[in-house]
C-alpha atoms as a PDB file:
ATOM      1  CA  MET A   1       0.000   0.000   0.000  1.00  0.00           C
ATOM      2  CA  SER A   2       2.895   2.412   0.639  1.00  0.00           C
ATOM      3  CA  GLN A   3       3.945   2.197  -3.031  1.00  0.00           C
ATOM      4  CA  SER A   4       0.405   3.093  -4.068  1.00  0.00           C
ATOM      5  CA  ASN A   5       0.498   6.100  -1.739  1.00  0.00           C
ATOM      6  CA  ASP A   6       3.713   7.291  -3.375  1.00  0.00           C
ATOM      7  CA  ILE A   7       2.013   7.170  -6.769  1.00  0.00           C
ATOM      8  CA  LEU A   8      -1.156   8.835  -5.474  1.00  0.00           C
ATOM      9  CA  GLU A   9       0.630  11.632  -3.599  1.00  0.00           C
ATOM     10  CA  PRO A  10       0.918  14.086  -6.523  1.00  0.00           C
ATOM     11  CA  ARG A  11      -2.754  13.692  -7.346  1.00  0.00           C
ATOM     12  CA  LEU A  12      -5.600  15.522  -5.673  1.00  0.00           C
ATOM     13  CA  ILE A  13      -8.083  12.983  -4.393  1.00  0.00           C
ATOM     14  CA  ALA A  14     -11.447  13.634  -2.814  1.00  0.00           C
ATOM     15  CA  VAL A  15     -10.807  11.111  -0.036  1.00  0.00           C
ATOM     16  CA  ASP A  16      -8.130  11.284   2.576  1.00  0.00           C
ATOM     17  CA  THR A  17      -5.374   8.693   2.736  1.00  0.00           C
ATOM     18  CA  TYR A  18      -6.666   7.193   5.973  1.00  0.00           C
ATOM     19  CA  THR A  19     -10.084   6.505   4.461  1.00  0.00           C
ATOM     20  CA  LEU A  20      -8.553   5.094   1.296  1.00  0.00           C
ATOM     21  CA  CYS A  21      -6.260   2.767   3.249  1.00  0.00           C
ATOM     22  CA  HIS A  22      -9.112   1.749   5.529  1.00  0.00           C
ATOM     23  CA  VAL A  23     -11.395   0.836   2.607  1.00  0.00           C
ATOM     24  CA  ASP A  24      -8.629  -1.054   0.815  1.00  0.00           C
ATOM     25  CA  ASP A  25      -7.675  -2.952   3.986  1.00  0.00           C
ATOM     26  CA  TYR A  26     -11.322  -3.813   4.616  1.00  0.00           C
ATOM     27  CA  LEU A  27     -11.785  -5.184   1.109  1.00  0.00           C
ATOM     28  CA  GLN A  28      -8.624  -7.256   1.432  1.00  0.00           C
ATOM     29  CA  ASP A  29      -9.818  -8.595   4.811  1.00  0.00           C
ATOM     30  CA  VAL A  30     -13.181  -9.573   3.313  1.00  0.00           C
ATOM     31  CA  SER A  31     -11.410 -11.319   0.462  1.00  0.00           C
ATOM     32  CA  ASN A  32      -9.060 -13.216   2.787  1.00  0.00           C
ATOM     33  CA  ASP A  33     -11.821 -14.161   5.242  1.00  0.00           C
ATOM     34  CA  CYS A  34     -14.023 -15.561   2.484  1.00  0.00           C
ATOM     35  CA  GLU A  35     -11.156 -17.567   1.071  1.00  0.00           C
ATOM     36  CA  HIS A  36     -10.206 -18.991   4.482  1.00  0.00           C
ATOM     37  CA  LEU A  37     -13.804 -19.918   5.260  1.00  0.00           C
ATOM     38  CA  ALA A  38     -14.139 -21.666   1.914  1.00  0.00           C
ATOM     39  CA  TYR A  39     -11.023 -23.725   2.589  1.00  0.00           C
ATOM     40  CA  ALA A  40     -12.223 -24.504   6.124  1.00  0.00           C
ATOM     41  CA  LEU A  41     -15.364 -26.067   4.648  1.00  0.00           C
ATOM     42  CA  ASN A  42     -13.117 -28.795   3.214  1.00  0.00           C
ATOM     43  CA  LEU A  43     -12.657 -30.076   6.767  1.00  0.00           C
ATOM     44  CA  ILE A  44     -16.350 -30.852   7.193  1.00  0.00           C
ATOM     45  CA  GLU A  45     -17.065 -34.483   6.462  1.00  0.00           C
ATOM     46  CA  VAL A  46     -20.593 -35.341   5.358  1.00  0.00           C
ATOM     47  CA  SER A  47     -22.004 -38.440   3.786  1.00  0.00           C
ATOM     48  CA  ASN A  48     -25.336 -36.936   2.771  1.00  0.00           C
ATOM     49  CA  PRO A  49     -25.264 -35.840  -0.911  1.00  0.00           C
ATOM     50  CA  ALA A  50     -27.561 -32.885  -0.199  1.00  0.00           C
ATOM     51  CA  SER A  51     -25.210 -31.638   2.531  1.00  0.00           C
ATOM     52  CA  LYS A  52     -22.231 -32.036   0.213  1.00  0.00           C
ATOM     53  CA  GLY A  53     -24.088 -29.973  -2.377  1.00  0.00           C
ATOM     54  CA  MET A  54     -24.742 -27.240   0.178  1.00  0.00           C
ATOM     55  CA  ILE A  55     -21.066 -27.125   1.136  1.00  0.00           C
ATOM     56  CA  VAL A  56     -20.046 -26.831  -2.518  1.00  0.00           C
ATOM     57  CA  ALA A  57     -22.562 -24.007  -3.035  1.00  0.00           C
ATOM     58  CA  ILE A  58     -21.345 -22.142   0.059  1.00  0.00           C
ATOM     59  CA  LYS A  59     -17.708 -22.549  -1.003  1.00  0.00           C
ATOM     60  CA  SER A  60     -18.526 -21.229  -4.464  1.00  0.00           C
ATOM     61  CA  ALA A  61     -20.276 -18.192  -2.992  1.00  0.00           C
ATOM     62  CA  LEU A  62     -17.375 -17.493  -0.629  1.00  0.00           C
ATOM     63  CA  PHE A  63     -14.813 -17.731  -3.433  1.00  0.00           C
ATOM     64  CA  ALA A  64     -16.968 -15.429  -5.579  1.00  0.00           C
ATOM     65  CA  HIS A  65     -17.139 -12.853  -2.774  1.00  0.00           C
ATOM     66  CA  SER A  66     -13.391 -13.152  -2.254  1.00  0.00           C
ATOM     67  CA  GLU A  67     -12.724 -12.561  -5.940  1.00  0.00           C
ATOM     68  CA  HIS A  68     -15.168  -9.640  -6.064  1.00  0.00           C
ATOM     69  CA  ALA A  69     -13.581  -7.920  -3.043  1.00  0.00           C
ATOM     70  CA  SER A  70     -10.088  -8.324  -4.514  1.00  0.00           C
ATOM     71  CA  LYS A  71     -11.234  -6.934  -7.852  1.00  0.00           C
ATOM     72  CA  MET A  72     -12.945  -3.963  -6.183  1.00  0.00           C
ATOM     73  CA  SER A  73      -9.739  -3.163  -4.306  1.00  0.00           C
ATOM     74  CA  GLU A  74      -7.668  -3.352  -7.495  1.00  0.00           C
ATOM     75  CA  ASP A  75     -10.197  -1.235  -9.408  1.00  0.00           C
ATOM     76  CA  ILE A  76     -10.318   1.496  -6.764  1.00  0.00           C
ATOM     77  CA  MET A  77      -6.552   1.785  -6.562  1.00  0.00           C
ATOM     78  CA  GLY A  78      -6.147   1.497 -10.327  1.00  0.00           C
ATOM     79  CA  LYS A  79      -8.610   4.292 -11.057  1.00  0.00           C
ATOM     80  CA  LEU A  80      -6.937   6.578  -8.549  1.00  0.00           C
ATOM     81  CA  ILE A  81      -3.477   5.844  -9.918  1.00  0.00           C
ATOM     82  CA  LEU A  82      -4.626   6.567 -13.479  1.00  0.00           C
ATOM     83  CA  GLN A  83      -5.905  10.026 -12.590  1.00  0.00           C
ATOM     84  CA  ASP A  84      -3.898  12.876 -14.063  1.00  0.00           C
ATOM     85  CA  GLU A  85      -1.415  14.597 -11.806  1.00  0.00           C
ATOM     86  CA  ILE A  86      -2.375  18.077 -10.764  1.00  0.00           C
ATOM     87  CA  LYS A  87       0.289  20.663 -10.114  1.00  0.00           C
ATOM     88  CA  ILE A  88      -0.348  23.076  -7.302  1.00  0.00           C
ATOM     89  CA  ASN A  89       0.959  26.614  -7.736  1.00  0.00           C
ATOM     90  CA  GLU A  90       2.415  27.853  -4.496  1.00  0.00           C
END
């Protein structure tokens, strides 16, 4: 994140750095939590086919949320980095 801040520094952004870092960290936490929960579901042993199907569906949803959160984080940072630099006359 510090490299991203170095790139963003010369740009005027409507959000402060703390908020930006907080949002990015939150999205990364959501992504990681979903991924860990999906892997943890592998430890549940069930013999009932319907229960197995439910576990597969839950894992798929968790991986989808993880992927979505990661993509949102990348998109937010990418859009900010691509903004034109603005020079401030002192």
